[in-house]
Amino acid sequence: MSHFIDILLMRLPHALRVILRIAFYFSLLGVFLPRLTPRLFHTVESFLSRLAERKTLAVIAVFFIVIGVRVSVLPQLPMPVPGIHDEYSYLLLGDTLAHGRLANPPHPLWMSFETFHVNWFPTYSSKYPPGQGAVLALGQLLGHPWIGVLLSAAAMCAAILWMLQAWLPARWAFLGAALVALKFEIASYWINSYWGGAVAATGGALVLGAMPRIARHARTRDALLLGLGIAILANTRPYEGLLFCIPVAGWFLWWFAGKTKSPVTPRTRIVWVFAPLAFVLLLSIGFIGYYNWRLTANAFLFPHTLNTRTYRTTGLFLWDHPKEPIQYNNEQFEDFYNGWEREDYQNTWQDVRKVSAEKLTRSGSTYFWWGALLVFPGLPFVFCDRKMRLPILIFLLGTAGFLALIWSMPHYAAPLTCVIFLLLVQAIRHLRTIRLGGRPLGLALSWAIFYLLATDVGFSVPRHVCDQLEWTCKGDPSRAAIGKKLSQTPGKHLIMVRYQENHNLHDEWVYNGAEIDTAKVLWARELDPAQNAKLIAYFKDRQIWLVEPDTDNTELIPYRPPRTSSPQQ
């Protein structure tokens, strides 16, 4: 029989063959051992069910289990080295907040330090909202920014478990949290980099978890958590968070107007729910305005919008057309903004199909695994489930907004994480009810889904695979090694970075922290001789070095200005 199956599956992709083979073996267990199968799986499930029923303990346990498991695999998956443009900008934001301020004054020689996703006027600051930077700042104060990533990832799992407990029976909620932990907390760029989506996913979970609790009990605590979740979304993924909250707002207004079956009186709705929620939302709006004012000198101008106006000529949405090219201060910006971005998307239907396929492929590997294909028999029941209508609406609206963007990474849709796993677990619940001739086929397949995810993660760890998309979490250790070496060398240092014409525009080395003049090690871009001379004169008390990432990125030599005109104008 096994040989026959192998012949039958020979022409399928290898990953799909593995999935179908394992599903076949689990199905055999359910078909030929119909009495043993429930007892076998019940033995494992009963212990976890007892823990799951103690809901508060389960939430706390998940938080610390995630931390313990991730720390235990540090020898195979060490603390990540940043490498993506966005990571360095988030780290700048975290460093700024760790220094007790929201922004930094612009530097007089800013052109030498100019880099991606960073504003220089009216302040030197990251373009990103403060949510992710806040957890990096917490980690930095505790010893390393990645500690903040670890804590935020554990908080995400705990928050999603808390959310699922409001929608599902306790043991199914615990299963959902286990799936989230396996998918995101070990071999995912969300925990193995500095630009993941754990904070935004936590915000979405707080919102979705507070909704049914408010409907049942109308407690102030849940109203405050709903407001906190909305505030987190607004300060991490404002656009995606807005789409997430539109159906929530509709549901809340419907409930507040007394259109749902609820024993809660109108006065209770106003005093114990609406008033505290409004208070939190007003504080959030006030903070966002203040944050914008401190960074852009305009309470209504977001740092991201300012950065787009300053540097980008391409649009954000699929229907946007590019503007006229901008002249930049260095060749790397010229290649990135006037070259790569404009060439990668040119508003054709072919480009729409290309970027959409890219988004679906990347998101599929981030949120799902091959074994999740086995859940398909249970999905039709989910769409017929009245209780799931609101989560499905949130998912469809959020997905449409995600696909409407030209460039999207999976963590852009992070607010939907809790919705995705709620629907997945509900589909597994329906799958478990499927029987073939009275035999528990669905029960066996549900365990195959979990087994395949656990196996996939288990194989990733010894192979040092930080994510299915390895480029999302594979920073260049050479830059970090040079920085560490000079940080242990007496004196202060300025590193001039010289790029070649064939430079990879995604491999940027010129990034600095919140402090420039007082930093022990600075990275600067080699520009024209006049600008370089100003830079050297300004930092005359520093040892000046040259690195050439495109030739030998480990060599560090004393800097000598080139005899001819600079290769970068």
Protein backbone atom coordinates (compact mmCIF):
# COMPACT_ATOMS: atom_id res chain seq x y z
CA MET A 1 0.00 0.00 0.00
CA SER A 2 2.82 2.41 0.91
CA HIS A 3 4.56 1.67 -2.41
CA PHE A 4 1.33 2.35 -4.30
CA ILE A 5 0.90 5.69 -2.53
CA ASP A 6 4.48 6.69 -3.37
CA ILE A 7 3.89 5.96 -7.07
CA LEU A 8 0.61 7.87 -7.02
CA LEU A 9 2.24 10.99 -5.46
CA MET A 10 5.47 10.98 -7.46
CA ARG A 11 4.48 13.92 -9.68
CA LEU A 12 3.40 16.19 -6.83
CA PRO A 13 5.73 18.74 -5.16
CA HIS A 14 7.87 17.21 -2.43
CA ALA A 15 6.31 19.21 0.43
CA LEU A 16 2.80 18.28 -0.68
CA ARG A 17 3.79 14.62 -0.99
CA VAL A 18 5.01 14.63 2.59
CA ILE A 19 1.78 16.22 3.80
CA LEU A 20 -0.45 13.76 1.97
CA ARG A 21 1.63 10.79 3.08
CA ILE A 22 1.41 11.77 6.75
CA ALA A 23 -2.30 12.54 6.39
CA PHE A 24 -2.74 9.08 4.83
CA TYR A 25 -1.03 7.36 7.74
CA PHE A 26 -3.04 9.27 10.32
CA SER A 27 -6.19 8.41 8.36
CA LEU A 28 -5.28 4.74 8.50
CA LEU A 29 -5.03 5.06 12.26
CA GLY A 30 -8.52 6.52 12.45
CA VAL A 31 -10.04 4.04 10.00
CA PHE A 32 -8.50 0.78 11.17
CA LEU A 33 -8.21 1.55 14.88
CA PRO A 34 -11.46 3.45 15.51
CA ARG A 35 -11.60 2.57 19.20
CA LEU A 36 -7.94 3.03 20.03
CA THR A 37 -7.59 6.38 18.21
CA PRO A 38 -9.87 8.44 20.51
CA ARG A 39 -8.32 6.88 23.63
CA LEU A 40 -4.79 7.50 22.35
CA PHE A 41 -5.36 11.17 21.58
CA HIS A 42 -7.55 11.72 24.65
CA THR A 43 -4.66 10.69 26.90
CA VAL A 44 -2.56 13.54 25.55
CA GLU A 45 -5.41 16.04 25.38
CA SER A 46 -6.74 15.47 28.90
CA PHE A 47 -3.68 16.91 30.64
CA LEU A 48 -3.68 20.01 28.46
CA SER A 49 -7.44 20.38 28.92
CA ARG A 50 -7.05 20.52 32.70
CA LEU A 51 -4.50 23.31 32.34
CA ALA A 52 -6.63 25.11 29.75
CA GLU A 53 -9.66 25.18 32.04
CA ARG A 54 -7.71 27.29 34.51
CA LYS A 55 -7.84 30.22 32.15
CA THR A 56 -5.77 32.80 33.96
CA LEU A 57 -3.09 30.26 34.82
CA ALA A 58 -3.05 29.11 31.19
CA VAL A 59 -2.44 32.68 29.95
CA ILE A 60 0.44 33.15 32.41
CA ALA A 61 1.85 29.71 31.60
CA VAL A 62 1.85 30.41 27.85
CA PHE A 63 3.72 33.68 28.37
CA PHE A 64 6.56 32.00 30.29
CA ILE A 65 6.61 28.82 28.20
CA VAL A 66 7.18 30.87 25.05
CA ILE A 67 10.09 32.69 26.68
CA GLY A 68 11.57 29.46 28.04
CA VAL A 69 11.34 27.57 24.75
CA ARG A 70 12.84 30.40 22.67
CA VAL A 71 15.68 30.94 25.14
CA SER A 72 16.40 27.20 25.13
CA VAL A 73 17.12 27.24 21.37
CA LEU A 74 19.45 30.25 21.48
CA PRO A 75 22.46 28.02 20.64
CA GLN A 76 20.77 27.14 17.32
CA LEU A 77 18.96 30.43 16.74
CA PRO A 78 20.96 33.18 18.48
CA MET A 79 19.85 36.76 18.97
CA PRO A 80 19.33 38.25 15.51
CA VAL A 81 21.68 40.62 13.72
CA PRO A 82 19.79 43.45 11.97
CA GLY A 83 20.12 43.68 8.22
CA ILE A 84 16.88 45.10 6.75
CA HIS A 85 16.44 48.87 6.28
CA ASP A 86 13.31 48.82 8.42
CA GLU A 87 15.07 47.08 11.31
CA TYR A 88 17.65 49.81 11.68
CA SER A 89 14.98 52.50 11.61
CA TYR A 90 13.03 50.68 14.34
CA LEU A 91 16.24 50.33 16.37
CA LEU A 92 16.82 54.09 16.03
CA LEU A 93 13.30 54.62 17.35
CA GLY A 94 13.92 52.26 20.25
CA ASP A 95 17.23 53.94 21.08
CA THR A 96 15.57 57.36 20.97
CA LEU A 97 12.83 56.28 23.37
CA ALA A 98 15.39 54.57 25.63
CA HIS A 99 17.13 57.95 25.92
CA GLY A 100 13.90 59.44 27.25
CA ARG A 101 12.80 61.46 24.22
CA LEU A 102 10.58 61.10 21.18
CA ALA A 103 12.93 62.66 18.64
CA ASN A 104 16.48 63.94 18.22
CA PRO A 105 17.75 67.28 16.90
CA PRO A 106 18.93 67.25 13.26
CA HIS A 107 22.67 67.08 12.74
CA PRO A 108 24.53 69.86 10.84
CA LEU A 109 26.24 67.22 8.67
CA TRP A 110 23.09 65.13 8.20
CA MET A 111 23.81 64.35 4.54
CA SER A 112 26.74 62.15 5.55
CA PHE A 113 24.45 60.13 7.84
CA GLU A 114 21.35 60.13 5.63
CA THR A 115 19.75 56.70 5.42
CA PHE A 116 16.55 54.88 4.60
CA HIS A 117 13.27 55.29 6.51
CA VAL A 118 14.68 58.09 8.67
CA ASN A 119 13.62 61.75 8.74
CA TRP A 120 16.17 64.52 9.30
CA PHE A 121 13.97 67.62 9.38
CA PRO A 122 12.54 69.06 11.49
CA THR A 123 13.91 66.26 13.71
CA TYR A 124 16.23 63.28 13.36
CA SER A 125 13.80 60.41 13.90
CA SER A 126 12.39 57.16 12.56
CA LYS A 127 9.40 57.38 10.24
CA TYR A 128 7.59 54.56 12.04
CA PRO A 129 4.87 54.71 14.71
CA PRO A 130 6.18 54.26 18.26
CA GLY A 131 4.70 50.85 19.16
CA GLN A 132 7.49 48.56 17.95
CA GLY A 133 10.11 51.07 19.08
CA ALA A 134 8.67 51.03 22.60
CA VAL A 135 9.30 47.29 23.05
CA LEU A 136 12.80 47.67 21.60
CA ALA A 137 13.45 50.50 24.06
CA LEU A 138 12.26 48.27 26.91
CA GLY A 139 14.59 45.54 25.73
CA GLN A 140 17.49 47.96 25.44
CA LEU A 141 16.95 49.14 29.01
CA LEU A 142 16.94 45.47 30.10
CA GLY A 143 20.20 44.76 28.30
CA HIS A 144 19.46 44.21 24.58
CA PRO A 145 16.69 45.32 22.17
CA TRP A 146 15.91 41.70 21.30
CA ILE A 147 14.72 41.12 24.87
CA GLY A 148 11.86 43.46 24.02
CA VAL A 149 11.10 41.40 20.91
CA LEU A 150 11.04 38.23 23.03
CA LEU A 151 8.72 39.76 25.63
CA SER A 152 6.39 41.17 22.97
CA ALA A 153 6.19 37.78 21.23
CA ALA A 154 5.31 36.05 24.51
CA ALA A 155 2.72 38.75 25.23
CA MET A 156 1.22 38.19 21.78
CA CYS A 157 0.69 34.48 22.48
CA ALA A 158 -0.81 35.21 25.89
CA ALA A 159 -3.12 37.88 24.42
CA ILE A 160 -4.27 35.58 21.62
CA LEU A 161 -5.03 32.84 24.16
CA TRP A 162 -7.04 35.36 26.20
CA MET A 163 -8.90 36.36 23.04
CA LEU A 164 -9.63 32.77 22.00
CA GLN A 165 -11.01 32.01 25.47
CA ALA A 166 -13.80 34.50 24.76
CA TRP A 167 -14.75 32.82 21.48
CA LEU A 168 -14.02 29.12 22.00
CA PRO A 169 -14.08 26.46 24.73
CA ALA A 170 -10.96 26.60 26.91
CA ARG A 171 -9.16 23.59 25.46
CA TRP A 172 -9.65 24.80 21.89
CA ALA A 173 -8.38 28.23 22.86
CA PHE A 174 -5.28 26.57 24.27
CA LEU A 175 -4.78 24.67 21.01
CA GLY A 176 -4.94 27.95 19.10
CA ALA A 177 -2.32 29.51 21.37
CA ALA A 178 -0.09 26.45 20.89
CA LEU A 179 -0.35 26.80 17.11
CA VAL A 180 0.53 30.51 17.33
CA ALA A 181 3.51 29.77 19.57
CA LEU A 182 4.83 27.10 17.20
CA LYS A 183 4.34 29.25 14.12
CA PHE A 184 5.73 32.56 15.35
CA GLU A 185 7.86 32.08 18.44
CA ILE A 186 10.73 29.87 17.26
CA ALA A 187 11.50 29.87 13.52
CA SER A 188 9.79 33.08 12.37
CA TYR A 189 11.21 36.47 11.49
CA TRP A 190 8.67 37.94 13.91
CA ILE A 191 10.89 36.81 16.79
CA ASN A 192 14.18 36.50 14.90
CA SER A 193 14.40 40.11 13.73
CA TYR A 194 13.46 43.60 14.87
CA TRP A 195 10.60 44.38 12.48
CA GLY A 196 8.02 41.66 13.22
CA GLY A 197 4.34 42.01 13.96
CA ALA A 198 3.94 40.79 17.54
CA VAL A 199 2.95 44.17 18.98
CA ALA A 200 0.27 44.84 16.37
CA ALA A 201 -1.00 41.26 16.71
CA THR A 202 -1.34 41.83 20.46
CA GLY A 203 -3.45 44.92 19.79
CA GLY A 204 -5.74 42.98 17.47
CA ALA A 205 -6.14 40.20 20.04
CA LEU A 206 -7.09 42.67 22.79
CA VAL A 207 -9.74 44.21 20.56
CA LEU A 208 -11.24 40.92 19.40
CA GLY A 209 -11.07 39.41 22.88
CA ALA A 210 -12.75 42.37 24.58
CA MET A 211 -15.75 42.48 22.24
CA PRO A 212 -17.68 39.37 23.36
CA ARG A 213 -16.76 39.99 27.00
CA ILE A 214 -18.26 43.47 26.81
CA ALA A 215 -21.42 42.05 25.26
CA ARG A 216 -21.79 39.52 28.08
CA HIS A 217 -20.66 41.46 31.13
CA ALA A 218 -20.19 45.17 30.23
CA ARG A 219 -17.20 45.48 32.57
CA THR A 220 -14.96 48.53 32.71
CA ARG A 221 -11.89 46.31 32.60
CA ASP A 222 -12.86 44.97 29.19
CA ALA A 223 -13.67 48.44 27.89
CA LEU A 224 -10.22 49.61 28.94
CA LEU A 225 -8.63 46.60 27.23
CA LEU A 226 -10.61 47.33 24.08
CA GLY A 227 -9.32 50.90 24.15
CA LEU A 228 -5.79 49.70 24.81
CA GLY A 229 -5.97 47.33 21.85
CA ILE A 230 -7.17 50.11 19.56
CA ALA A 231 -4.38 52.38 20.85
CA ILE A 232 -1.77 49.70 20.14
CA LEU A 233 -3.09 49.25 16.61
CA ALA A 234 -3.04 53.01 16.02
CA ASN A 235 0.58 53.20 17.17
CA THR A 236 1.86 50.18 15.24
CA ARG A 237 -0.15 49.62 12.02
CA PRO A 238 -2.49 52.63 11.69
CA TYR A 239 -3.87 51.74 8.24
CA GLU A 240 -4.39 48.04 8.89
CA GLY A 241 -5.59 48.80 12.42
CA LEU A 242 -8.24 51.16 11.05
CA LEU A 243 -9.54 48.47 8.69
CA PHE A 244 -9.59 46.01 11.59
CA CYS A 245 -11.59 48.38 13.77
CA ILE A 246 -14.26 49.38 11.23
CA PRO A 247 -16.33 46.19 11.71
CA VAL A 248 -15.62 46.38 15.45
CA ALA A 249 -17.00 49.93 15.55
CA GLY A 250 -20.10 48.80 13.70
CA TRP A 251 -20.61 45.95 16.15
CA PHE A 252 -20.02 48.23 19.15
CA LEU A 253 -22.52 50.84 17.97
CA TRP A 254 -25.08 48.11 17.29
CA TRP A 255 -24.58 46.74 20.80
CA PHE A 256 -24.52 50.21 22.38
CA ALA A 257 -27.84 51.04 20.73
CA GLY A 258 -29.38 47.98 22.37
CA LYS A 259 -29.92 46.04 19.15
CA THR A 260 -28.45 42.83 20.53
CA LYS A 261 -29.86 40.46 23.13
CA SER A 262 -28.14 41.63 26.28
CA PRO A 263 -29.29 42.03 29.90
CA VAL A 264 -27.08 45.12 30.25
CA THR A 265 -29.02 48.34 30.89
CA PRO A 266 -28.42 51.53 28.85
CA ARG A 267 -27.01 53.30 31.90
CA THR A 268 -24.49 50.49 32.46
CA ARG A 269 -23.43 50.69 28.81
CA ILE A 270 -22.73 54.41 29.15
CA VAL A 271 -21.10 54.50 32.59
CA TRP A 272 -19.12 51.27 32.66
CA VAL A 273 -18.23 50.81 28.98
CA PHE A 274 -18.61 53.89 26.79
CA ALA A 275 -17.12 56.43 29.24
CA PRO A 276 -13.88 54.52 30.00
CA LEU A 277 -13.49 53.54 26.33
CA ALA A 278 -13.92 57.15 25.23
CA PHE A 279 -11.39 58.25 27.84
CA VAL A 280 -8.73 55.82 26.55
CA LEU A 281 -9.40 56.74 22.93
CA LEU A 282 -9.14 60.48 23.66
CA LEU A 283 -5.83 59.89 25.42
CA SER A 284 -4.62 57.88 22.43
CA ILE A 285 -5.63 60.56 19.95
CA GLY A 286 -3.93 63.18 22.11
CA PHE A 287 -0.74 61.14 22.28
CA ILE A 288 -0.67 60.57 18.52
CA GLY A 289 -1.09 64.28 17.90
CA TYR A 290 1.65 65.11 20.40
CA TYR A 291 3.96 62.47 18.92
CA ASN A 292 3.42 63.87 15.43
CA TRP A 293 4.00 67.41 16.65
CA ARG A 294 7.27 66.51 18.33
CA LEU A 295 8.56 64.68 15.25
CA THR A 296 7.13 66.71 12.35
CA ALA A 297 6.09 70.01 14.01
CA ASN A 298 2.52 69.29 12.89
CA ALA A 299 0.04 67.33 14.99
CA PHE A 300 -1.75 66.16 11.83
CA LEU A 301 1.36 65.15 9.85
CA PHE A 302 2.55 61.61 10.50
CA PRO A 303 6.32 60.91 10.31
CA HIS A 304 5.64 58.21 7.72
CA THR A 305 3.78 60.71 5.55
CA LEU A 306 6.61 63.24 5.88
CA ASN A 307 9.14 60.60 4.84
CA THR A 308 7.02 59.66 1.82
CA ARG A 309 6.78 63.29 0.72
CA THR A 310 10.51 63.79 1.17
CA TYR A 311 11.89 60.69 -0.51
CA ARG A 312 9.35 58.58 -2.39
CA THR A 313 8.00 59.18 -5.87
CA THR A 314 5.99 55.97 -6.15
CA GLY A 315 2.51 55.42 -4.74
CA LEU A 316 1.27 53.30 -1.85
CA PHE A 317 -1.72 51.64 -3.52
CA LEU A 318 -1.98 49.56 -6.68
CA TRP A 319 -3.82 52.32 -8.54
CA ASP A 320 -1.31 55.08 -7.69
CA HIS A 321 0.95 56.39 -10.44
CA PRO A 322 4.54 57.58 -9.82
CA LYS A 323 5.46 61.24 -9.54
CA GLU A 324 8.38 62.96 -11.18
CA PRO A 325 11.81 61.65 -10.04
CA ILE A 326 13.62 63.43 -7.21
CA GLN A 327 17.30 64.30 -7.13
CA TYR A 328 18.97 62.71 -4.09
CA ASN A 329 22.17 63.39 -2.17
CA ASN A 330 23.77 59.99 -2.82
CA GLU A 331 23.83 57.26 -5.42
CA GLN A 332 22.25 54.63 -3.17
CA PHE A 333 19.05 56.66 -2.75
CA GLU A 334 19.06 57.33 -6.49
CA ASP A 335 19.24 53.61 -7.24
CA PHE A 336 16.61 52.72 -4.65
CA TYR A 337 13.93 55.37 -5.19
CA ASN A 338 14.44 56.37 -8.83
CA GLY A 339 15.58 52.93 -9.92
CA TRP A 340 14.38 49.84 -8.08
CA GLU A 341 11.03 51.14 -6.75
CA ARG A 342 9.96 52.65 -10.06
CA GLU A 343 11.06 49.60 -12.05
CA ASP A 344 9.55 47.04 -9.69
CA TYR A 345 5.99 48.33 -10.14
CA GLN A 346 4.90 50.21 -13.26
CA ASN A 347 1.08 50.14 -12.91
CA THR A 348 0.46 47.34 -15.39
CA TRP A 349 -1.88 44.40 -14.85
CA GLN A 350 1.14 42.14 -15.05
CA ASP A 351 2.71 44.08 -12.17
CA VAL A 352 -0.53 43.81 -10.17
CA ARG A 353 -0.52 40.04 -10.61
CA LYS A 354 3.18 39.84 -9.77
CA VAL A 355 3.06 41.81 -6.51
CA SER A 356 -0.20 40.13 -5.47
CA ALA A 357 1.28 36.67 -5.99
CA GLU A 358 4.35 37.75 -4.04
CA LYS A 359 2.25 38.96 -1.12
CA LEU A 360 0.17 35.78 -1.05
CA THR A 361 3.26 33.56 -1.20
CA ARG A 362 5.05 35.39 1.59
CA SER A 363 1.97 35.61 3.79
CA GLY A 364 1.15 31.96 3.19
CA SER A 365 4.55 30.87 4.52
CA THR A 366 4.23 33.25 7.51
CA TYR A 367 0.72 32.51 8.74
CA PHE A 368 0.20 28.96 7.49
CA TRP A 369 2.05 25.70 6.95
CA TRP A 370 1.58 22.87 4.49
CA GLY A 371 -0.30 20.79 7.04
CA ALA A 372 -2.97 23.51 7.26
CA LEU A 373 -4.23 22.27 3.88
CA LEU A 374 -5.81 19.38 5.76
CA VAL A 375 -8.22 21.80 7.41
CA PHE A 376 -10.08 22.48 4.15
CA PRO A 377 -12.89 19.93 4.78
CA GLY A 378 -13.81 21.93 7.89
CA LEU A 379 -13.73 25.40 6.31
CA PRO A 380 -17.21 25.33 4.69
CA PHE A 381 -18.71 24.77 8.14
CA VAL A 382 -16.91 27.87 9.43
CA PHE A 383 -18.46 30.09 6.77
CA CYS A 384 -21.89 28.74 7.72
CA ASP A 385 -21.23 29.41 11.43
CA ARG A 386 -23.16 32.51 12.52
CA LYS A 387 -20.79 33.09 15.43
CA MET A 388 -17.90 33.53 12.99
CA ARG A 389 -19.54 36.17 10.79
CA LEU A 390 -17.85 39.13 12.43
CA PRO A 391 -14.33 37.58 12.42
CA ILE A 392 -14.84 36.61 8.76
CA LEU A 393 -15.85 40.18 7.92
CA ILE A 394 -12.77 41.54 9.72
CA PHE A 395 -10.60 39.05 7.85
CA LEU A 396 -12.05 39.88 4.42
CA LEU A 397 -11.80 43.65 4.90
CA GLY A 398 -8.27 43.42 6.29
CA THR A 399 -7.14 41.13 3.50
CA ALA A 400 -8.58 43.42 0.83
CA GLY A 401 -6.73 46.39 2.35
CA PHE A 402 -3.54 44.35 2.56
CA LEU A 403 -3.72 43.31 -1.08
CA ALA A 404 -4.47 46.88 -2.19
CA LEU A 405 -0.96 48.00 -1.20
CA ILE A 406 1.87 47.86 -3.71
CA TRP A 407 4.47 46.67 -1.24
CA SER A 408 3.38 44.54 1.69
CA MET A 409 5.23 42.28 4.07
CA PRO A 410 3.32 39.62 6.06
CA HIS A 411 3.62 41.53 9.32
CA TYR A 412 1.67 44.41 7.77
CA ALA A 413 -1.38 42.18 8.28
CA ALA A 414 -0.37 41.37 11.87
CA PRO A 415 -3.64 42.69 13.39
CA LEU A 416 -5.40 39.81 11.58
CA THR A 417 -3.29 37.14 13.30
CA CYS A 418 -5.84 36.47 16.01
CA VAL A 419 -8.64 36.27 13.45
CA ILE A 420 -6.71 33.84 11.25
CA PHE A 421 -6.07 31.44 14.10
CA LEU A 422 -9.60 31.77 15.45
CA LEU A 423 -10.94 30.67 12.07
CA LEU A 424 -8.31 27.92 11.79
CA VAL A 425 -9.17 26.44 15.17
CA GLN A 426 -12.89 26.67 14.48
CA ALA A 427 -12.30 24.81 11.19
CA ILE A 428 -10.36 22.13 13.09
CA ARG A 429 -13.27 21.79 15.51
CA HIS A 430 -15.60 21.09 12.61
CA LEU A 431 -13.03 18.79 11.01
CA ARG A 432 -12.95 16.68 14.17
CA THR A 433 -16.65 15.87 13.75
CA ILE A 434 -16.13 14.28 10.33
CA ARG A 435 -16.43 10.50 10.44
CA LEU A 436 -16.03 7.91 7.71
CA GLY A 437 -18.28 4.94 8.26
CA GLY A 438 -18.43 5.79 11.95
CA ARG A 439 -14.65 6.00 12.18
CA PRO A 440 -12.96 9.17 13.60
CA LEU A 441 -11.19 10.27 10.41
CA GLY A 442 -11.43 13.97 11.28
CA LEU A 443 -9.91 13.39 14.71
CA ALA A 444 -6.85 11.76 13.14
CA LEU A 445 -6.48 14.55 10.56
CA SER A 446 -6.69 17.23 13.25
CA TRP A 447 -3.72 15.67 14.99
CA ALA A 448 -1.88 15.41 11.68
CA ILE A 449 -2.25 19.20 11.27
CA PHE A 450 -0.60 19.84 14.64
CA TYR A 451 2.05 17.16 14.09
CA LEU A 452 3.11 18.62 10.74
CA LEU A 453 3.58 22.11 12.19
CA ALA A 454 5.56 20.80 15.16
CA THR A 455 7.71 18.68 12.84
CA ASP A 456 8.35 21.60 10.50
CA VAL A 457 9.52 23.79 13.39
CA GLY A 458 11.52 20.94 14.88
CA PHE A 459 13.47 20.48 11.65
CA SER A 460 14.06 24.23 11.28
CA VAL A 461 15.86 24.68 14.60
CA PRO A 462 18.88 22.33 14.07
CA ARG A 463 19.25 23.71 10.53
CA HIS A 464 19.42 27.28 11.94
CA VAL A 465 16.47 28.37 9.77
CA CYS A 466 15.19 31.60 11.29
CA ASP A 467 12.22 31.87 8.92
CA GLN A 468 10.88 30.26 5.75
CA LEU A 469 11.85 33.56 4.08
CA GLU A 470 15.40 33.56 5.38
CA TRP A 471 16.29 36.97 3.97
CA THR A 472 13.83 38.55 6.42
CA CYS A 473 16.04 37.70 9.40
CA LYS A 474 19.56 37.16 8.04
CA GLY A 475 21.54 40.29 8.84
CA ASP A 476 25.15 40.74 7.74
CA PRO A 477 27.34 39.82 10.72
CA SER A 478 30.31 41.67 9.18
CA ARG A 479 28.95 45.10 10.03
CA ALA A 480 28.12 43.98 13.56
CA ALA A 481 31.59 42.46 13.98
CA ILE A 482 33.31 45.69 12.91
CA GLY A 483 31.12 47.75 15.23
CA LYS A 484 31.81 45.43 18.14
CA LYS A 485 35.55 45.47 17.50
CA LEU A 486 35.73 49.28 17.48
CA SER A 487 33.45 49.58 20.51
CA GLN A 488 36.13 47.67 22.42
CA THR A 489 38.95 49.81 20.99
CA PRO A 490 40.00 52.93 22.97
CA GLY A 491 38.84 56.28 21.67
CA LYS A 492 36.00 57.30 19.39
CA HIS A 493 35.66 56.14 15.81
CA LEU A 494 34.14 57.31 12.53
CA ILE A 495 33.65 54.72 9.77
CA MET A 496 33.44 56.00 6.20
CA VAL A 497 31.42 53.59 4.05
CA ARG A 498 32.45 53.45 0.39
CA TYR A 499 30.15 51.60 -2.00
CA GLN A 500 30.96 50.33 -5.48
CA GLU A 501 28.80 50.71 -8.57
CA ASN A 502 27.51 47.13 -8.22
CA HIS A 503 26.36 47.71 -4.65
CA ASN A 504 23.27 45.79 -3.49
CA LEU A 505 20.90 48.63 -2.58
CA HIS A 506 19.19 46.44 0.06
CA ASP A 507 22.46 45.99 1.96
CA GLU A 508 22.83 49.32 3.75
CA TRP A 509 25.57 49.92 6.33
CA VAL A 510 25.04 53.59 7.20
CA TYR A 511 22.84 53.58 10.29
CA ASN A 512 23.36 55.19 13.68
CA GLY A 513 21.62 55.49 17.01
CA ALA A 514 19.93 58.43 18.67
CA GLU A 515 23.24 59.97 19.78
CA ILE A 516 25.58 61.04 16.97
CA ASP A 517 28.14 63.45 18.39
CA THR A 518 28.69 61.40 21.55
CA ALA A 519 28.48 57.91 20.00
CA LYS A 520 31.62 55.82 20.31
CA VAL A 521 31.24 54.38 16.79
CA LEU A 522 29.68 56.31 13.91
CA TRP A 523 28.86 55.17 10.38
CA ALA A 524 28.96 57.79 7.61
CA ARG A 525 28.45 57.75 3.86
CA GLU A 526 31.41 58.78 1.71
CA LEU A 527 30.15 61.59 -0.50
CA ASP A 528 31.90 64.36 -2.48
CA PRO A 529 35.29 65.67 -1.29
CA ALA A 530 33.83 68.92 0.12
CA GLN A 531 31.27 67.11 2.29
CA ASN A 532 33.85 64.55 3.38
CA ALA A 533 36.25 67.34 4.39
CA LYS A 534 33.54 69.00 6.51
CA LEU A 535 32.81 65.68 8.17
CA ILE A 536 36.46 64.96 8.96
CA ALA A 537 37.00 68.47 10.32
CA TYR A 538 33.90 68.22 12.50
CA PHE A 539 35.01 64.88 13.97
CA LYS A 540 38.71 65.68 14.15
CA ASP A 541 38.97 64.00 17.56
CA ARG A 542 38.02 60.59 16.11
CA GLN A 543 39.96 57.82 14.47
CA ILE A 544 38.61 57.61 10.93
CA TRP A 545 38.32 54.26 9.15
CA LEU A 546 37.27 53.04 5.73
CA VAL A 547 35.10 50.02 4.97
CA GLU A 548 34.11 48.80 1.52
CA PRO A 549 31.19 46.36 1.90
CA ASP A 550 31.24 45.45 -1.80
CA THR A 551 34.89 44.32 -1.86
CA ASP A 552 36.08 43.04 1.51
CA ASN A 553 33.42 43.73 4.09
CA THR A 554 35.56 42.54 6.97
CA GLU A 555 38.58 44.76 6.32
CA LEU A 556 38.96 47.93 8.36
CA ILE A 557 41.72 50.33 7.26
CA PRO A 558 42.60 53.95 8.13
CA TYR A 559 40.71 56.34 5.88
CA ARG A 560 42.44 58.25 3.12
CA PRO A 561 40.35 60.46 0.83
CA PRO A 562 40.38 59.24 -2.79
CA ARG A 563 42.72 61.12 -5.10
CA THR A 564 40.12 61.41 -7.82
CA SER A 565 36.59 62.71 -7.53
CA SER A 566 34.33 60.72 -5.30
CA PRO A 567 32.61 57.71 -6.86
CA GLN A 568 29.37 58.82 -5.20
CA GLN A 569 27.80 62.10 -6.18
